[in-house]
């Protein structure tokens, strides 16, 4: 399982969706990256493969960053990578 995480301007909480395979996660990442570069589409809508009813829509102008990573099964990390703000804690 792969996580696509969107960081929003002026918001400490990221938005995440899960994707089944690396190719789908990379395609979603590229879609968000292209939207950030071009400002088109104005609104980006993403769906989650893990929770089929989970959908998120965000204005592209509100995106600060996007990342993709593999979901870890390790109990010590809680399944989350350090994220965008890892350097703030070091």
C-alpha atoms as a PDB file:
ATOM      1  CA  UNK A   1       0.000   0.000   0.000  1.00  0.00           C
ATOM      2  CA  UNK A   2       1.255   3.486  -0.875  1.00  0.00           C
ATOM      3  CA  UNK A   3       0.328   6.836   0.660  1.00  0.00           C
ATOM      4  CA  UNK A   4      -0.067  10.031  -1.335  1.00  0.00           C
ATOM      5  CA  UNK A   5       0.119  12.952   1.083  1.00  0.00           C
ATOM      6  CA  UNK A   6      -0.867  16.531   0.295  1.00  0.00           C
ATOM      7  CA  UNK A   7       0.383  19.380   2.466  1.00  0.00           C
ATOM      8  CA  UNK A   8      -1.861  22.434   2.474  1.00  0.00           C
ATOM      9  CA  UNK A   9      -0.869  26.058   2.918  1.00  0.00           C
ATOM     10  CA  UNK A  10      -1.753  27.385   6.378  1.00  0.00           C
ATOM     11  CA  UNK A  11      -2.752  23.931   7.641  1.00  0.00           C
ATOM     12  CA  UNK A  12      -0.694  21.665   9.909  1.00  0.00           C
ATOM     13  CA  UNK A  13      -2.659  18.540   8.965  1.00  0.00           C
ATOM     14  CA  UNK A  14      -1.942  16.823   5.645  1.00  0.00           C
ATOM     15  CA  UNK A  15      -4.557  15.122   3.470  1.00  0.00           C
ATOM     16  CA  UNK A  16      -3.772  11.519   2.534  1.00  0.00           C
ATOM     17  CA  UNK A  17      -5.122   8.846   0.239  1.00  0.00           C
ATOM     18  CA  UNK A  18      -3.917   5.269  -0.059  1.00  0.00           C
ATOM     19  CA  UNK A  19      -3.182   3.543  -3.345  1.00  0.00           C
ATOM     20  CA  UNK A  20      -2.859  -0.214  -3.911  1.00  0.00           C
ATOM     21  CA  UNK A  21       0.224  -0.226  -6.125  1.00  0.00           C
ATOM     22  CA  UNK A  22       3.247   1.916  -6.847  1.00  0.00           C
ATOM     23  CA  UNK A  23       2.192   2.788 -10.390  1.00  0.00           C
ATOM     24  CA  UNK A  24      -1.181   4.167  -9.280  1.00  0.00           C
ATOM     25  CA  UNK A  25       0.444   6.101  -6.439  1.00  0.00           C
ATOM     26  CA  UNK A  26       3.035   7.572  -8.808  1.00  0.00           C
ATOM     27  CA  UNK A  27       0.294   8.536 -11.287  1.00  0.00           C
ATOM     28  CA  UNK A  28      -1.650  10.295  -8.520  1.00  0.00           C
ATOM     29  CA  UNK A  29       1.528  12.056  -7.367  1.00  0.00           C
ATOM     30  CA  UNK A  30       2.234  13.192 -10.939  1.00  0.00           C
ATOM     31  CA  UNK A  31      -1.356  14.404 -11.342  1.00  0.00           C
ATOM     32  CA  UNK A  32      -1.010  16.571  -8.216  1.00  0.00           C
ATOM     33  CA  UNK A  33       2.444  17.795  -9.257  1.00  0.00           C
ATOM     34  CA  UNK A  34       1.227  18.763 -12.734  1.00  0.00           C
ATOM     35  CA  UNK A  35      -1.752  20.591 -11.241  1.00  0.00           C
ATOM     36  CA  UNK A  36       0.585  22.529  -8.914  1.00  0.00           C
ATOM     37  CA  UNK A  37       2.868  23.485 -11.824  1.00  0.00           C
ATOM     38  CA  UNK A  38       0.085  24.556 -14.202  1.00  0.00           C
ATOM     39  CA  UNK A  39      -2.705  25.634 -11.868  1.00  0.00           C
ATOM     40  CA  UNK A  40      -4.965  23.458 -13.974  1.00  0.00           C
ATOM     41  CA  UNK A  41      -7.337  21.903 -13.008  1.00  0.00           C
ATOM     42  CA  UNK A  42      -8.421  24.458 -10.421  1.00  0.00           C
ATOM     43  CA  UNK A  43      -9.669  21.701  -8.108  1.00  0.00           C
ATOM     44  CA  UNK A  44      -8.011  18.337  -7.606  1.00  0.00           C
ATOM     45  CA  UNK A  45     -10.171  15.377  -6.570  1.00  0.00           C
ATOM     46  CA  UNK A  46      -8.563  12.181  -5.264  1.00  0.00           C
ATOM     47  CA  UNK A  47      -9.990   8.858  -4.133  1.00  0.00           C
ATOM     48  CA  UNK A  48      -8.646   6.261  -1.734  1.00  0.00           C
ATOM     49  CA  UNK A  49      -8.150   2.600  -2.655  1.00  0.00           C
ATOM     50  CA  UNK A  50      -8.203   1.433   0.990  1.00  0.00           C
ATOM     51  CA  UNK A  51     -11.424   3.181   2.025  1.00  0.00           C
ATOM     52  CA  UNK A  52     -13.545   3.183  -1.120  1.00  0.00           C
ATOM     53  CA  UNK A  53     -15.939   5.864   0.153  1.00  0.00           C
ATOM     54  CA  UNK A  54     -13.086   8.270   0.997  1.00  0.00           C
ATOM     55  CA  UNK A  55     -12.760  11.170  -1.435  1.00  0.00           C
ATOM     56  CA  UNK A  56     -10.968  14.464  -1.067  1.00  0.00           C
ATOM     57  CA  UNK A  57     -11.125  17.597  -3.195  1.00  0.00           C
ATOM     58  CA  UNK A  58      -8.782  20.522  -2.753  1.00  0.00           C
ATOM     59  CA  UNK A  59      -8.157  23.775  -4.576  1.00  0.00           C
ATOM     60  CA  UNK A  60      -4.800  23.479  -6.331  1.00  0.00           C
ATOM     61  CA  UNK A  61      -3.906  26.991  -5.155  1.00  0.00           C
ATOM     62  CA  UNK A  62      -4.017  25.660  -1.550  1.00  0.00           C
ATOM     63  CA  UNK A  63      -1.420  22.917  -2.177  1.00  0.00           C
ATOM     64  CA  UNK A  64       2.037  23.503  -0.705  1.00  0.00           C
ATOM     65  CA  UNK A  65       3.616  20.083  -1.354  1.00  0.00           C
ATOM     66  CA  UNK A  66       2.894  16.493  -2.333  1.00  0.00           C
ATOM     67  CA  UNK A  67       4.746  13.317  -1.471  1.00  0.00           C
ATOM     68  CA  UNK A  68       4.330   9.600  -2.019  1.00  0.00           C
ATOM     69  CA  UNK A  69       5.719   6.843   0.185  1.00  0.00           C
ATOM     70  CA  UNK A  70       5.211   3.189   0.919  1.00  0.00           C
ATOM     71  CA  UNK A  71       3.084   2.438   3.959  1.00  0.00           C
ATOM     72  CA  UNK A  72       5.192   0.728   6.574  1.00  0.00           C
ATOM     73  CA  UNK A  73       3.801  -2.173   8.611  1.00  0.00           C
ATOM     74  CA  UNK A  74       6.156  -1.443  11.501  1.00  0.00           C
ATOM     75  CA  UNK A  75       4.436  -1.023  14.848  1.00  0.00           C
ATOM     76  CA  UNK A  76       7.154   1.368  16.060  1.00  0.00           C
ATOM     77  CA  UNK A  77       6.430   4.010  13.433  1.00  0.00           C
ATOM     78  CA  UNK A  78       2.673   3.627  13.428  1.00  0.00           C
ATOM     79  CA  UNK A  79       2.692   3.190   9.671  1.00  0.00           C
ATOM     80  CA  UNK A  80       3.665   6.788   8.979  1.00  0.00           C
ATOM     81  CA  UNK A  81       6.785   8.276   7.510  1.00  0.00           C
ATOM     82  CA  UNK A  82       8.249  11.403   9.085  1.00  0.00           C
ATOM     83  CA  UNK A  83       6.490  13.510   6.463  1.00  0.00           C
ATOM     84  CA  UNK A  84       7.288  17.036   5.347  1.00  0.00           C
ATOM     85  CA  UNK A  85       8.075  18.382   8.794  1.00  0.00           C
ATOM     86  CA  UNK A  86      10.630  15.803   9.932  1.00  0.00           C
ATOM     87  CA  UNK A  87      13.467  18.338  10.159  1.00  0.00           C
ATOM     88  CA  UNK A  88      11.522  20.448  12.672  1.00  0.00           C
ATOM     89  CA  UNK A  89      11.704  17.605  15.195  1.00  0.00           C
ATOM     90  CA  UNK A  90      15.434  16.919  14.814  1.00  0.00           C
END
